[in-house]
Amino acid sequence: MATPGSDPPASRPDPAGFFDAEYRRLLAPFHPELEARHEAAALRELLGMAQDDRILDLGCGWGRHLSLLAEAGHDIVGVDLSPALLRQVPRARPVTDDVSPVDPPAARPRQPPLAAADMRALPLAERSFDIVLNLATSLGLFLLDDPARAALREARRVLRPGGRLLLEGMHRDDIAARFAPRVRWFLADRTEVRVRRRFDPLRGISEEVLRWRGPRGSGEKRHALRIRSATEIAALLEGAGLAVLHAYGDWDGRALRHTSPRLVLVAGRS
């Protein structure tokens, strides 16, 4: 796993401390498969994906969108800093409906190519992808602008001319208006999960303490995320040699407004 750079520890993702199998279990209620299927369909629509487009899911986690796009027959590669989450990426079901033991190997479930790597040093060839996806505010794992810009430069490096980068995540304006400092929920096994958050509106950083207690034990995780405004992300893109082509406020393609629940930006090489 590559972790280059000399930025302070607070500006680097920490997969061992937060993004692991337990993280996925605790947050599972907020990531149903139906939602992932809706978002994967929206990705194809907003980007006008061609079937032969080569796709990079940058920060793919446990493969919520990756496996669905692979199922649809797309040539897709997943990169994430957390080996623990990559180990949970499911095999994509084949495009055909029925698979029996006598079917040829090409028709059997397969796992898309995966790599554990830092976004700022991708083990991928220059200009090798038509589309790069960066979803779920994963750019916010970099609290400082310099490492975030370095990650975007890498995204540009692996994009082919005419390729598109799609960034999606929380909308800073919406978060500021509806920030919830305390949240609580229960898992199916009655594990209680409590989250306490503190949002710094000046720096745009949300600090989170997640605690849980249940039949499988108890624990605590701490995490920080930079939630940037559309203006801030556009400036980072420009500094990385990319330009915003479209700005959406949700997966349905509606225009971005200050009340929009999501921030979805499509950019290309400038």
C-alpha atoms as a PDB file:
ATOM      1  CA  MET A   1       0.000   0.000   0.000  1.00  0.00           C
ATOM      2  CA  ALA A   2       1.514   3.304  -1.088  1.00  0.00           C
ATOM      3  CA  THR A   3       1.310   6.297   1.230  1.00  0.00           C
ATOM      4  CA  PRO A   4       3.664   8.908  -0.259  1.00  0.00           C
ATOM      5  CA  GLY A   5       3.906  12.538   0.685  1.00  0.00           C
ATOM      6  CA  SER A   6       4.980  14.479   3.725  1.00  0.00           C
ATOM      7  CA  ASP A   7       1.739  16.210   4.664  1.00  0.00           C
ATOM      8  CA  PRO A   8       0.746  16.072   8.348  1.00  0.00           C
ATOM      9  CA  PRO A   9      -0.950  12.882   9.562  1.00  0.00           C
ATOM     10  CA  ALA A  10      -4.261  14.714  10.014  1.00  0.00           C
ATOM     11  CA  SER A  11      -4.446  15.296   6.253  1.00  0.00           C
ATOM     12  CA  ARG A  12      -4.016  11.625   5.345  1.00  0.00           C
ATOM     13  CA  PRO A  13      -6.682   8.913   5.251  1.00  0.00           C
ATOM     14  CA  ASP A  14      -6.272   6.259   7.955  1.00  0.00           C
ATOM     15  CA  PRO A  15      -7.755   2.977   6.725  1.00  0.00           C
ATOM     16  CA  ALA A  16      -6.522   0.954   9.705  1.00  0.00           C
ATOM     17  CA  GLY A  17      -8.091   3.324  12.213  1.00  0.00           C
ATOM     18  CA  PHE A  18     -11.452   3.984  10.601  1.00  0.00           C
ATOM     19  CA  PHE A  19     -12.159   2.429   7.202  1.00  0.00           C
ATOM     20  CA  ASP A  20     -12.261  -1.292   7.915  1.00  0.00           C
ATOM     21  CA  ALA A  21     -14.736  -4.167   7.988  1.00  0.00           C
ATOM     22  CA  GLU A  22     -16.248  -2.889  11.241  1.00  0.00           C
ATOM     23  CA  TYR A  23     -16.824   0.510   9.654  1.00  0.00           C
ATOM     24  CA  ARG A  24     -18.783  -1.133   6.855  1.00  0.00           C
ATOM     25  CA  ARG A  25     -20.892  -3.139   9.321  1.00  0.00           C
ATOM     26  CA  LEU A  26     -21.754  -0.090  11.411  1.00  0.00           C
ATOM     27  CA  LEU A  27     -22.667   2.109   8.439  1.00  0.00           C
ATOM     28  CA  ALA A  28     -24.508  -0.605   6.481  1.00  0.00           C
ATOM     29  CA  PRO A  29     -28.006   0.814   7.257  1.00  0.00           C
ATOM     30  CA  PHE A  30     -27.096   3.978   5.340  1.00  0.00           C
ATOM     31  CA  HIS A  31     -25.880   2.155   2.204  1.00  0.00           C
ATOM     32  CA  PRO A  32     -28.626  -0.177   0.935  1.00  0.00           C
ATOM     33  CA  GLU A  33     -28.091  -1.970  -2.360  1.00  0.00           C
ATOM     34  CA  LEU A  34     -31.135  -0.278  -3.903  1.00  0.00           C
ATOM     35  CA  GLU A  35     -29.485   3.109  -3.342  1.00  0.00           C
ATOM     36  CA  ALA A  36     -26.246   1.913  -4.942  1.00  0.00           C
ATOM     37  CA  ARG A  37     -28.163   0.625  -7.956  1.00  0.00           C
ATOM     38  CA  HIS A  38     -29.931   3.974  -8.347  1.00  0.00           C
ATOM     39  CA  GLU A  39     -26.599   5.819  -8.154  1.00  0.00           C
ATOM     40  CA  ALA A  40     -24.861   3.469 -10.591  1.00  0.00           C
ATOM     41  CA  ALA A  41     -27.663   4.049 -13.107  1.00  0.00           C
ATOM     42  CA  ALA A  42     -27.349   7.800 -12.548  1.00  0.00           C
ATOM     43  CA  LEU A  43     -23.596   7.641 -13.158  1.00  0.00           C
ATOM     44  CA  ARG A  44     -24.177   6.025 -16.522  1.00  0.00           C
ATOM     45  CA  GLU A  45     -26.774   8.667 -17.413  1.00  0.00           C
ATOM     46  CA  LEU A  46     -24.916  11.780 -16.214  1.00  0.00           C
ATOM     47  CA  LEU A  47     -21.668  10.736 -17.871  1.00  0.00           C
ATOM     48  CA  GLY A  48     -23.219   9.315 -20.994  1.00  0.00           C
ATOM     49  CA  MET A  49     -21.136   6.175 -20.466  1.00  0.00           C
ATOM     50  CA  ALA A  50     -20.351   4.128 -23.529  1.00  0.00           C
ATOM     51  CA  GLN A  51     -20.186   0.366 -23.032  1.00  0.00           C
ATOM     52  CA  ASP A  52     -16.522   0.308 -24.032  1.00  0.00           C
ATOM     53  CA  ASP A  53     -15.461   3.141 -21.702  1.00  0.00           C
ATOM     54  CA  ARG A  54     -12.668   2.123 -19.331  1.00  0.00           C
ATOM     55  CA  ILE A  55     -13.538   3.261 -15.795  1.00  0.00           C
ATOM     56  CA  LEU A  56     -11.528   3.881 -12.629  1.00  0.00           C
ATOM     57  CA  ASP A  57     -13.380   3.901  -9.290  1.00  0.00           C
ATOM     58  CA  LEU A  58     -10.988   5.966  -7.168  1.00  0.00           C
ATOM     59  CA  GLY A  59     -11.745   5.343  -3.500  1.00  0.00           C
ATOM     60  CA  CYS A  60     -13.996   2.378  -4.290  1.00  0.00           C
ATOM     61  CA  GLY A  61     -14.333   1.144  -0.677  1.00  0.00           C
ATOM     62  CA  TRP A  62     -16.083  -2.217  -0.593  1.00  0.00           C
ATOM     63  CA  GLY A  63     -17.239  -1.851  -4.199  1.00  0.00           C
ATOM     64  CA  ARG A  64     -20.810  -0.556  -3.884  1.00  0.00           C
ATOM     65  CA  HIS A  65     -20.729   0.967  -7.391  1.00  0.00           C
ATOM     66  CA  LEU A  66     -17.743  -0.929  -8.757  1.00  0.00           C
ATOM     67  CA  SER A  67     -19.411  -4.346  -8.665  1.00  0.00           C
ATOM     68  CA  LEU A  68     -22.646  -3.039 -10.200  1.00  0.00           C
ATOM     69  CA  LEU A  69     -20.849  -1.379 -13.112  1.00  0.00           C
ATOM     70  CA  ALA A  70     -18.820  -4.562 -13.608  1.00  0.00           C
ATOM     71  CA  GLU A  71     -22.086  -6.528 -13.656  1.00  0.00           C
ATOM     72  CA  ALA A  72     -23.283  -4.201 -16.418  1.00  0.00           C
ATOM     73  CA  GLY A  73     -20.283  -5.286 -18.485  1.00  0.00           C
ATOM     74  CA  HIS A  74     -18.052  -2.239 -18.009  1.00  0.00           C
ATOM     75  CA  ASP A  75     -14.265  -2.522 -17.911  1.00  0.00           C
ATOM     76  CA  ILE A  76     -13.646  -1.081 -14.440  1.00  0.00           C
ATOM     77  CA  VAL A  77     -10.732  -0.960 -11.988  1.00  0.00           C
ATOM     78  CA  GLY A  78     -11.010  -0.193  -8.266  1.00  0.00           C
ATOM     79  CA  VAL A  79      -8.462   1.636  -6.113  1.00  0.00           C
ATOM     80  CA  ASP A  80      -8.733   2.233  -2.382  1.00  0.00           C
ATOM     81  CA  LEU A  81      -6.288   2.947   0.442  1.00  0.00           C
ATOM     82  CA  SER A  82      -7.912   0.334   2.709  1.00  0.00           C
ATOM     83  CA  PRO A  83      -6.993  -3.309   2.050  1.00  0.00           C
ATOM     84  CA  ALA A  84      -9.643  -4.315   4.615  1.00  0.00           C
ATOM     85  CA  LEU A  85     -12.414  -2.799   2.490  1.00  0.00           C
ATOM     86  CA  LEU A  86     -10.975  -4.121  -0.773  1.00  0.00           C
ATOM     87  CA  ARG A  87     -11.144  -7.640   0.655  1.00  0.00           C
ATOM     88  CA  GLN A  88     -14.923  -7.181   0.881  1.00  0.00           C
ATOM     89  CA  VAL A  89     -15.467  -6.226  -2.767  1.00  0.00           C
ATOM     90  CA  PRO A  90     -17.937  -8.819  -4.089  1.00  0.00           C
ATOM     91  CA  ARG A  91     -17.491 -10.693  -7.286  1.00  0.00           C
ATOM     92  CA  ALA A  92     -19.584  -9.205 -10.052  1.00  0.00           C
ATOM     93  CA  ARG A  93     -22.401 -11.414 -11.245  1.00  0.00           C
ATOM     94  CA  PRO A  94     -22.222 -12.158 -14.976  1.00  0.00           C
ATOM     95  CA  VAL A  95     -24.323 -10.277 -17.478  1.00  0.00           C
ATOM     96  CA  THR A  96     -26.188 -13.514 -18.314  1.00  0.00           C
ATOM     97  CA  ASP A  97     -29.047 -14.419 -15.963  1.00  0.00           C
ATOM     98  CA  ASP A  98     -28.191 -18.080 -15.373  1.00  0.00           C
ATOM     99  CA  VAL A  99     -24.755 -19.500 -14.648  1.00  0.00           C
ATOM    100  CA  SER A 100     -24.216 -23.220 -14.216  1.00  0.00           C
ATOM    101  CA  PRO A 101     -21.031 -25.179 -13.409  1.00  0.00           C
ATOM    102  CA  VAL A 102     -20.711 -26.068 -17.087  1.00  0.00           C
ATOM    103  CA  ASP A 103     -20.732 -22.471 -18.297  1.00  0.00           C
ATOM    104  CA  PRO A 104     -17.452 -21.241 -19.790  1.00  0.00           C
ATOM    105  CA  PRO A 105     -15.135 -19.292 -17.443  1.00  0.00           C
ATOM    106  CA  ALA A 106     -15.949 -15.996 -19.180  1.00  0.00           C
ATOM    107  CA  ALA A 107     -19.565 -16.292 -17.999  1.00  0.00           C
ATOM    108  CA  ARG A 108     -18.741 -16.936 -14.351  1.00  0.00           C
ATOM    109  CA  PRO A 109     -18.636 -14.241 -11.644  1.00  0.00           C
ATOM    110  CA  ARG A 110     -15.392 -12.300 -11.586  1.00  0.00           C
ATOM    111  CA  GLN A 111     -13.855  -9.659  -9.387  1.00  0.00           C
ATOM    112  CA  PRO A 112     -12.782  -6.434 -11.110  1.00  0.00           C
ATOM    113  CA  PRO A 113      -9.063  -5.600 -10.851  1.00  0.00           C
ATOM    114  CA  LEU A 114      -8.272  -3.945  -7.502  1.00  0.00           C
ATOM    115  CA  ALA A 115      -5.300  -2.059  -6.084  1.00  0.00           C
ATOM    116  CA  ALA A 116      -4.541  -0.779  -2.578  1.00  0.00           C
ATOM    117  CA  ALA A 117      -2.913   2.587  -3.195  1.00  0.00           C
ATOM    118  CA  ASP A 118      -2.849   6.241  -2.266  1.00  0.00           C
ATOM    119  CA  MET A 119      -4.802   8.496  -4.624  1.00  0.00           C
ATOM    120  CA  ARG A 120      -1.672  10.623  -5.023  1.00  0.00           C
ATOM    121  CA  ALA A 121       0.456   7.810  -6.449  1.00  0.00           C
ATOM    122  CA  LEU A 122      -1.651   5.542  -8.609  1.00  0.00           C
ATOM    123  CA  PRO A 123      -0.029   2.353  -9.934  1.00  0.00           C
ATOM    124  CA  LEU A 124      -1.739   2.954 -13.274  1.00  0.00           C
ATOM    125  CA  ALA A 125      -0.590   3.977 -16.729  1.00  0.00           C
ATOM    126  CA  GLU A 126      -0.936   7.521 -18.024  1.00  0.00           C
ATOM    127  CA  ARG A 127      -4.058   8.248 -20.108  1.00  0.00           C
ATOM    128  CA  SER A 128      -5.499   4.777 -19.546  1.00  0.00           C
ATOM    129  CA  PHE A 129      -9.103   5.596 -18.514  1.00  0.00           C
ATOM    130  CA  ASP A 130     -12.080   7.261 -20.149  1.00  0.00           C
ATOM    131  CA  ILE A 131     -13.843   7.905 -16.828  1.00  0.00           C
ATOM    132  CA  VAL A 132     -12.613   8.415 -13.257  1.00  0.00           C
ATOM    133  CA  LEU A 133     -15.103   8.276 -10.377  1.00  0.00           C
ATOM    134  CA  ASN A 134     -14.456   9.794  -6.951  1.00  0.00           C
ATOM    135  CA  LEU A 135     -17.559   9.302  -4.832  1.00  0.00           C
ATOM    136  CA  ALA A 136     -18.874   9.723  -1.274  1.00  0.00           C
ATOM    137  CA  THR A 137     -16.787  12.801  -0.361  1.00  0.00           C
ATOM    138  CA  SER A 138     -13.620  10.689  -0.475  1.00  0.00           C
ATOM    139  CA  LEU A 139     -11.586  13.717  -1.590  1.00  0.00           C
ATOM    140  CA  GLY A 140     -12.494  15.158   1.823  1.00  0.00           C
ATOM    141  CA  LEU A 141     -10.214  12.592   3.463  1.00  0.00           C
ATOM    142  CA  PHE A 142      -7.459  15.080   2.610  1.00  0.00           C
ATOM    143  CA  LEU A 143      -7.965  17.907   5.077  1.00  0.00           C
ATOM    144  CA  LEU A 144      -5.366  20.117   3.367  1.00  0.00           C
ATOM    145  CA  ASP A 145      -5.612  21.455  -0.170  1.00  0.00           C
ATOM    146  CA  ASP A 146      -2.142  20.462  -1.397  1.00  0.00           C
ATOM    147  CA  PRO A 147      -2.611  16.684  -1.028  1.00  0.00           C
ATOM    148  CA  ALA A 148      -6.170  16.943  -2.399  1.00  0.00           C
ATOM    149  CA  ARG A 149      -4.821  18.795  -5.450  1.00  0.00           C
ATOM    150  CA  ALA A 150      -2.125  16.133  -5.849  1.00  0.00           C
ATOM    151  CA  ALA A 151      -4.821  13.437  -5.924  1.00  0.00           C
ATOM    152  CA  LEU A 152      -6.700  15.347  -8.616  1.00  0.00           C
ATOM    153  CA  ARG A 153      -3.491  15.694 -10.664  1.00  0.00           C
ATOM    154  CA  GLU A 154      -3.169  11.914 -10.567  1.00  0.00           C
ATOM    155  CA  ALA A 155      -6.762  11.586 -11.722  1.00  0.00           C
ATOM    156  CA  ARG A 156      -5.966  13.894 -14.624  1.00  0.00           C
ATOM    157  CA  ARG A 157      -2.801  11.943 -15.438  1.00  0.00           C
ATOM    158  CA  VAL A 158      -4.683   8.680 -15.930  1.00  0.00           C
ATOM    159  CA  LEU A 159      -7.534  10.313 -17.903  1.00  0.00           C
ATOM    160  CA  ARG A 160      -7.460  10.063 -21.663  1.00  0.00           C
ATOM    161  CA  PRO A 161      -8.036  13.241 -23.729  1.00  0.00           C
ATOM    162  CA  GLY A 162     -11.759  13.834 -23.753  1.00  0.00           C
ATOM    163  CA  GLY A 163     -12.187  11.747 -20.586  1.00  0.00           C
ATOM    164  CA  ARG A 164     -14.354  12.817 -17.638  1.00  0.00           C
ATOM    165  CA  LEU A 165     -13.879  12.903 -13.889  1.00  0.00           C
ATOM    166  CA  LEU A 166     -16.994  12.748 -11.687  1.00  0.00           C
ATOM    167  CA  LEU A 167     -16.719  13.954  -8.081  1.00  0.00           C
ATOM    168  CA  GLU A 168     -19.651  13.371  -5.724  1.00  0.00           C
ATOM    169  CA  GLY A 169     -20.168  14.059  -2.071  1.00  0.00           C
ATOM    170  CA  MET A 170     -21.801  16.087   0.647  1.00  0.00           C
ATOM    171  CA  HIS A 171     -22.806  19.636  -0.211  1.00  0.00           C
ATOM    172  CA  ARG A 172     -21.181  22.144   2.111  1.00  0.00           C
ATOM    173  CA  ASP A 173     -24.132  24.555   2.044  1.00  0.00           C
ATOM    174  CA  ASP A 174     -26.577  21.788   2.932  1.00  0.00           C
ATOM    175  CA  ILE A 175     -24.360  20.477   5.736  1.00  0.00           C
ATOM    176  CA  ALA A 176     -24.047  23.933   7.273  1.00  0.00           C
ATOM    177  CA  ALA A 177     -27.830  24.333   7.261  1.00  0.00           C
ATOM    178  CA  ARG A 178     -28.816  20.883   8.532  1.00  0.00           C
ATOM    179  CA  PHE A 179     -25.828  19.706  10.573  1.00  0.00           C
ATOM    180  CA  ALA A 180     -26.776  17.087  13.173  1.00  0.00           C
ATOM    181  CA  PRO A 181     -24.287  17.001  16.087  1.00  0.00           C
ATOM    182  CA  ARG A 182     -25.665  13.729  17.499  1.00  0.00           C
ATOM    183  CA  VAL A 183     -27.045  10.693  15.687  1.00  0.00           C
ATOM    184  CA  ARG A 184     -28.060   7.258  16.985  1.00  0.00           C
ATOM    185  CA  TRP A 185     -29.214   4.053  15.303  1.00  0.00           C
ATOM    186  CA  PHE A 186     -29.434   0.298  15.854  1.00  0.00           C
ATOM    187  CA  LEU A 187     -28.176  -2.581  13.721  1.00  0.00           C
ATOM    188  CA  ALA A 188     -30.195  -5.733  13.089  1.00  0.00           C
ATOM    189  CA  ASP A 189     -28.401  -7.544  15.939  1.00  0.00           C
ATOM    190  CA  ARG A 190     -29.389  -4.686  18.311  1.00  0.00           C
ATOM    191  CA  THR A 191     -25.940  -3.132  18.316  1.00  0.00           C
ATOM    192  CA  GLU A 192     -26.400   0.491  19.335  1.00  0.00           C
ATOM    193  CA  VAL A 193     -24.359   3.031  17.367  1.00  0.00           C
ATOM    194  CA  ARG A 194     -23.925   6.620  18.514  1.00  0.00           C
ATOM    195  CA  VAL A 195     -22.163   9.399  16.630  1.00  0.00           C
ATOM    196  CA  ARG A 196     -21.128  12.764  17.986  1.00  0.00           C
ATOM    197  CA  ARG A 197     -19.987  15.369  15.463  1.00  0.00           C
ATOM    198  CA  ARG A 198     -18.497  18.832  15.562  1.00  0.00           C
ATOM    199  CA  PHE A 199     -18.446  20.981  12.436  1.00  0.00           C
ATOM    200  CA  ASP A 200     -16.034  23.891  12.043  1.00  0.00           C
ATOM    201  CA  PRO A 201     -17.698  26.211   9.489  1.00  0.00           C
ATOM    202  CA  LEU A 202     -14.522  28.236   9.026  1.00  0.00           C
ATOM    203  CA  ARG A 203     -12.315  25.300   8.002  1.00  0.00           C
ATOM    204  CA  GLY A 204     -15.138  23.145   6.690  1.00  0.00           C
ATOM    205  CA  ILE A 205     -13.979  20.191   8.779  1.00  0.00           C
ATOM    206  CA  SER A 206     -16.347  17.750  10.431  1.00  0.00           C
ATOM    207  CA  GLU A 207     -14.855  15.816  13.358  1.00  0.00           C
ATOM    208  CA  GLU A 208     -16.679  12.663  14.315  1.00  0.00           C
ATOM    209  CA  VAL A 209     -16.600  10.235  17.237  1.00  0.00           C
ATOM    210  CA  LEU A 210     -18.390   6.953  16.575  1.00  0.00           C
ATOM    211  CA  ARG A 211     -19.132   4.579  19.476  1.00  0.00           C
ATOM    212  CA  TRP A 212     -20.955   1.250  19.463  1.00  0.00           C
ATOM    213  CA  ARG A 213     -22.052  -1.424  21.910  1.00  0.00           C
ATOM    214  CA  GLY A 214     -23.748  -4.751  21.190  1.00  0.00           C
ATOM    215  CA  PRO A 215     -23.536  -8.539  21.213  1.00  0.00           C
ATOM    216  CA  ARG A 216     -20.356  -8.460  19.120  1.00  0.00           C
ATOM    217  CA  GLY A 217     -18.591  -6.078  21.477  1.00  0.00           C
ATOM    218  CA  SER A 218     -18.049  -2.352  21.781  1.00  0.00           C
ATOM    219  CA  GLY A 219     -15.592   0.181  20.464  1.00  0.00           C
ATOM    220  CA  GLU A 220     -14.831   3.696  19.350  1.00  0.00           C
ATOM    221  CA  LYS A 221     -13.554   5.340  16.169  1.00  0.00           C
ATOM    222  CA  ARG A 222     -12.520   8.925  15.516  1.00  0.00           C
ATOM    223  CA  HIS A 223     -12.477  10.580  12.133  1.00  0.00           C
ATOM    224  CA  ALA A 224     -12.215  13.973  10.406  1.00  0.00           C
ATOM    225  CA  LEU A 225     -13.492  14.994   6.980  1.00  0.00           C
ATOM    226  CA  ARG A 226     -13.072  18.199   4.984  1.00  0.00           C
ATOM    227  CA  ILE A 227     -16.389  19.178   3.390  1.00  0.00           C
ATOM    228  CA  ARG A 228     -15.503  21.668   0.674  1.00  0.00           C
ATOM    229  CA  SER A 229     -17.810  24.042  -1.140  1.00  0.00           C
ATOM    230  CA  ALA A 230     -18.368  23.798  -4.887  1.00  0.00           C
ATOM    231  CA  THR A 231     -16.199  26.892  -5.308  1.00  0.00           C
ATOM    232  CA  GLU A 232     -13.334  25.334  -3.356  1.00  0.00           C
ATOM    233  CA  ILE A 233     -13.466  22.093  -5.325  1.00  0.00           C
ATOM    234  CA  ALA A 234     -13.620  23.977  -8.634  1.00  0.00           C
ATOM    235  CA  ALA A 235     -10.460  25.857  -7.615  1.00  0.00           C
ATOM    236  CA  LEU A 236      -8.703  22.580  -6.744  1.00  0.00           C
ATOM    237  CA  LEU A 237      -9.717  21.126 -10.097  1.00  0.00           C
ATOM    238  CA  GLU A 238      -8.382  24.173 -11.920  1.00  0.00           C
ATOM    239  CA  GLY A 239      -5.095  23.902 -10.028  1.00  0.00           C
ATOM    240  CA  ALA A 240      -4.839  20.268 -11.129  1.00  0.00           C
ATOM    241  CA  GLY A 241      -5.381  21.051 -14.812  1.00  0.00           C
ATOM    242  CA  LEU A 242      -9.080  20.146 -14.868  1.00  0.00           C
ATOM    243  CA  ALA A 243     -12.158  22.225 -15.634  1.00  0.00           C
ATOM    244  CA  VAL A 244     -15.752  21.827 -14.441  1.00  0.00           C
ATOM    245  CA  LEU A 245     -18.064  20.830 -17.289  1.00  0.00           C
ATOM    246  CA  HIS A 246     -21.308  20.277 -15.347  1.00  0.00           C
ATOM    247  CA  ALA A 247     -22.482  20.917 -11.774  1.00  0.00           C
ATOM    248  CA  TYR A 248     -25.446  18.958 -10.406  1.00  0.00           C
ATOM    249  CA  GLY A 249     -27.253  19.123  -7.096  1.00  0.00           C
ATOM    250  CA  ASP A 250     -28.355  15.485  -6.930  1.00  0.00           C
ATOM    251  CA  TRP A 251     -28.227  12.185  -8.793  1.00  0.00           C
ATOM    252  CA  ASP A 252     -31.282  13.136 -10.835  1.00  0.00           C
ATOM    253  CA  GLY A 253     -29.261  15.744 -12.749  1.00  0.00           C
ATOM    254  CA  ARG A 254     -31.002  18.841 -11.388  1.00  0.00           C
ATOM    255  CA  ALA A 255     -28.943  22.048 -11.354  1.00  0.00           C
ATOM    256  CA  LEU A 256     -26.764  22.784  -8.326  1.00  0.00           C
ATOM    257  CA  ARG A 257     -28.312  25.266  -5.883  1.00  0.00           C
ATOM    258  CA  HIS A 258     -27.480  26.315  -2.338  1.00  0.00           C
ATOM    259  CA  THR A 259     -30.282  24.026  -1.114  1.00  0.00           C
ATOM    260  CA  SER A 260     -29.092  20.981  -3.079  1.00  0.00           C
ATOM    261  CA  PRO A 261     -28.648  17.801  -1.009  1.00  0.00           C
ATOM    262  CA  ARG A 262     -25.594  16.572  -2.957  1.00  0.00           C
ATOM    263  CA  LEU A 263     -22.690  17.989  -4.924  1.00  0.00           C
ATOM    264  CA  VAL A 264     -21.936  16.232  -8.218  1.00  0.00           C
ATOM    265  CA  LEU A 265     -19.279  17.802 -10.440  1.00  0.00           C
ATOM    266  CA  VAL A 266     -18.183  16.521 -13.843  1.00  0.00           C
ATOM    267  CA  ALA A 267     -14.788  17.764 -15.011  1.00  0.00           C
ATOM    268  CA  GLY A 268     -12.471  17.244 -17.970  1.00  0.00           C
ATOM    269  CA  ARG A 269      -8.862  17.936 -18.853  1.00  0.00           C
ATOM    270  CA  SER A 270      -8.322  21.640 -19.437  1.00  0.00           C
END
